[in-house]
Protein backbone atom coordinates (compact mmCIF):
# COMPACT_ATOMS: atom_id res chain seq x y z
CA MET A 1 -99.57 151.26 10.71
CA HIS A 2 -101.33 148.29 12.22
CA VAL A 3 -101.73 148.12 15.98
CA CYS A 4 -102.37 144.61 17.23
CA LEU A 5 -102.68 142.74 20.49
CA LYS A 6 -101.89 139.14 19.85
CA GLY A 7 -100.91 135.96 21.55
CA ILE A 8 -103.90 134.33 23.12
CA ILE A 9 -106.11 136.81 21.29
CA PHE A 10 -105.28 138.79 18.17
CA PHE A 11 -106.80 142.24 17.78
CA ASN A 12 -106.48 143.62 14.30
CA LEU A 13 -106.75 147.38 14.42
CA CYS A 14 -106.57 147.70 10.70
CA PHE A 15 -109.97 149.22 11.30
CA ASN A 16 -112.05 146.27 10.32
CA PRO A 17 -114.32 145.07 13.10
CA LEU A 18 -112.22 143.57 15.88
CA THR A 19 -112.05 139.82 15.61
CA SER A 20 -110.41 137.25 17.84
CA VAL A 21 -108.25 134.32 16.84
CA ASN A 22 -107.14 131.70 19.34
CA VAL A 23 -103.45 131.18 18.77
CA GLU A 24 -103.18 128.49 21.42
CA ALA A 25 -105.41 126.88 24.00
CA ALA A 26 -106.03 128.99 27.08
CA SER A 27 -108.24 128.78 30.13
CA LYS A 28 -109.29 132.41 29.76
CA THR A 29 -109.40 134.57 26.69
CA LEU A 30 -109.85 138.26 26.12
CA ALA A 31 -112.91 139.05 24.02
CA PRO A 32 -112.42 141.71 21.33
CA HIS A 33 -115.00 144.02 22.90
CA ASP A 34 -113.06 143.98 26.18
CA VAL A 35 -110.38 146.32 24.79
CA THR A 36 -110.98 149.74 23.26
CA PHE A 37 -108.14 151.82 21.88
CA TRP A 38 -108.21 155.60 22.31
CA VAL A 39 -106.12 158.29 20.61
CA PHE A 40 -104.97 161.80 21.50
CA GLU A 41 -102.98 164.14 19.24
CA ASP A 42 -100.46 166.27 21.15
CA LYS A 43 -99.96 169.03 18.58
CA LEU A 44 -97.64 170.96 20.89
CA ARG A 45 -95.47 167.87 21.61
CA LYS A 46 -95.23 168.83 25.25
CA TYR A 47 -97.06 166.21 27.29
CA GLY A 48 -95.53 163.41 29.32
CA LEU A 49 -97.35 160.49 30.90
CA ASP A 50 -98.34 162.45 34.03
CA ASP A 51 -99.88 165.16 31.83
CA ILE A 52 -101.69 162.60 29.67
CA HIS A 53 -103.52 161.25 32.72
CA GLN A 54 -105.11 164.71 33.00
CA LYS A 55 -106.15 164.60 29.31
CA ASP A 56 -108.42 161.54 29.53
CA ALA A 57 -111.47 163.52 28.36
CA GLU A 58 -109.61 164.58 25.20
CA PHE A 59 -108.92 161.03 23.98
CA ASN A 60 -111.20 159.76 21.21
CA PRO A 61 -112.02 156.16 20.27
CA LEU A 62 -109.55 155.00 17.67
CA ASP A 63 -111.00 154.48 14.19
CA HIS A 64 -109.69 154.49 10.64
CA SER A 65 -110.15 158.20 10.04
CA GLN A 66 -108.16 159.15 13.13
CA ILE A 67 -105.02 157.07 12.77
CA SER A 68 -103.84 158.47 9.41
CA TYR A 69 -101.92 161.60 10.26
CA ASN A 70 -100.06 162.08 6.98
CA LEU A 71 -96.95 164.17 7.52
CA THR A 72 -97.14 165.33 11.12
CA GLU A 73 -94.97 166.86 13.76
CA SER A 74 -97.55 165.97 16.43
CA VAL A 75 -97.01 163.34 19.09
CA ILE A 76 -99.71 160.67 18.96
CA TRP A 77 -100.80 158.98 22.19
CA ILE A 78 -102.76 155.73 22.16
CA LYS A 79 -104.21 154.19 25.30
CA PHE A 80 -105.98 150.93 26.02
CA LYS A 81 -107.06 149.05 29.11
CA ILE A 82 -106.55 145.37 29.78
CA PRO A 83 -109.40 144.17 32.03
CA ASP A 84 -108.72 142.67 35.44
CA GLN A 85 -108.52 139.06 34.39
CA SER A 86 -105.81 136.50 33.90
CA VAL A 87 -104.44 136.62 30.36
CA SER A 88 -101.14 134.99 29.53
CA GLU A 89 -98.86 135.50 26.56
CA LEU A 90 -100.48 138.68 25.32
CA TYR A 91 -98.43 140.99 23.11
CA LEU A 92 -98.87 144.41 21.58
CA GLU A 93 -97.53 144.68 18.04
CA LEU A 94 -97.12 147.82 15.96
CA SER A 95 -96.28 146.99 12.38
CA ALA A 96 -95.02 150.42 11.31
CA SER A 97 -91.30 149.80 11.60
CA THR A 98 -90.06 153.35 10.94
CA ILE A 99 -91.62 155.23 13.85
CA HIS A 100 -88.75 157.44 15.02
CA PHE A 101 -89.53 157.35 18.74
CA LEU A 102 -91.94 154.95 20.42
CA ASP A 103 -92.55 154.78 24.16
CA PHE A 104 -94.67 152.05 25.74
CA PHE A 105 -95.91 152.68 29.30
CA TYR A 106 -97.33 149.75 31.26
CA PRO A 107 -98.68 149.48 34.82
CA TYR A 108 -96.72 147.48 37.35
CA ASP A 109 -97.63 148.58 40.88
CA SER A 110 -100.54 150.61 42.31
CA GLY A 111 -100.83 153.22 39.58
CA ARG A 112 -97.10 153.35 38.84
CA TYR A 113 -95.75 152.82 35.34
CA ARG A 114 -92.64 151.50 33.70
CA GLN A 115 -91.49 152.73 30.31
CA ILE A 116 -89.90 150.99 27.35
CA SER A 117 -88.34 153.48 24.93
CA THR A 118 -87.50 152.28 21.44
CA GLY A 119 -87.98 153.32 17.83
CA PHE A 120 -86.28 153.53 14.47
CA LEU A 121 -83.86 156.23 15.65
CA ARG A 122 -83.01 154.38 18.86
CA ASN A 123 -80.77 151.37 19.26
CA TYR A 124 -82.38 148.20 17.84
CA TYR A 125 -81.58 146.37 21.08
CA THR A 126 -83.95 148.63 23.04
CA ARG A 127 -86.79 146.47 21.67
CA PRO A 128 -88.03 143.99 24.27
CA ILE A 129 -88.54 141.42 21.51
CA LEU A 130 -86.07 141.67 18.65
CA SER A 131 -88.23 141.93 15.55
CA ASP A 132 -88.63 144.17 12.52
CA ARG A 133 -91.90 145.29 14.13
CA TYR A 134 -92.39 146.69 17.60
CA VAL A 135 -93.61 143.92 19.91
CA PHE A 136 -94.24 144.42 23.64
CA PRO A 137 -95.36 141.87 26.22
CA VAL A 138 -98.57 142.94 27.97
CA GLU A 139 -98.44 141.26 31.35
CA ASN A 140 -100.62 143.34 33.68
CA PRO A 141 -104.21 144.54 33.68
CA GLY A 142 -104.88 148.28 33.67
CA TRP A 143 -104.28 151.23 31.40
CA HIS A 144 -101.39 151.06 28.92
CA TYR A 145 -100.09 154.01 26.90
CA ILE A 146 -98.17 154.30 23.65
CA ARG A 147 -96.41 157.51 22.64
CA LEU A 148 -95.55 157.82 18.94
CA GLU A 149 -93.31 160.53 17.55
CA SER A 150 -92.07 160.70 13.97
CA GLY A 151 -91.26 163.36 11.45
CA HIS A 152 -93.03 161.48 8.69
CA PHE A 153 -96.32 159.81 7.82
CA LEU A 154 -98.20 157.78 10.45
CA ASN A 155 -100.65 155.67 8.47
CA THR A 156 -102.60 152.47 8.91
CA ASP A 157 -101.98 151.34 5.34
């Protein structure tokens, strides 16, 4: 599974060093080192977003060895923070198209979050951008969360 932020800046989390690619001219860009992805494995499959906020210390920086979960029943949480700066046309893309349940939580007002729920076992039209991959607009600065749940392999390859 590849996790990417792209648009003005493309982040390739295929676990090579993060590199940026300008897709179009922009007055401000987001440098690759400005965003770090973190991962938490919920082996009990019991945590919601409110619980995950209490688990911040248990998240680990995302690297190649941590994103391959083989066959797992765990729920995988990924978080990242968009810095407080103006970035337009920024998208999050997850290339693994068979994730059973995928929830994207994004900030919208003073610590409150909205949720987009999609995935392979949910209606195709729940995707904010109709694509064979999961693509989400990232419009606000702050912490963003991704909840992944599948009864099969979650790999970067």
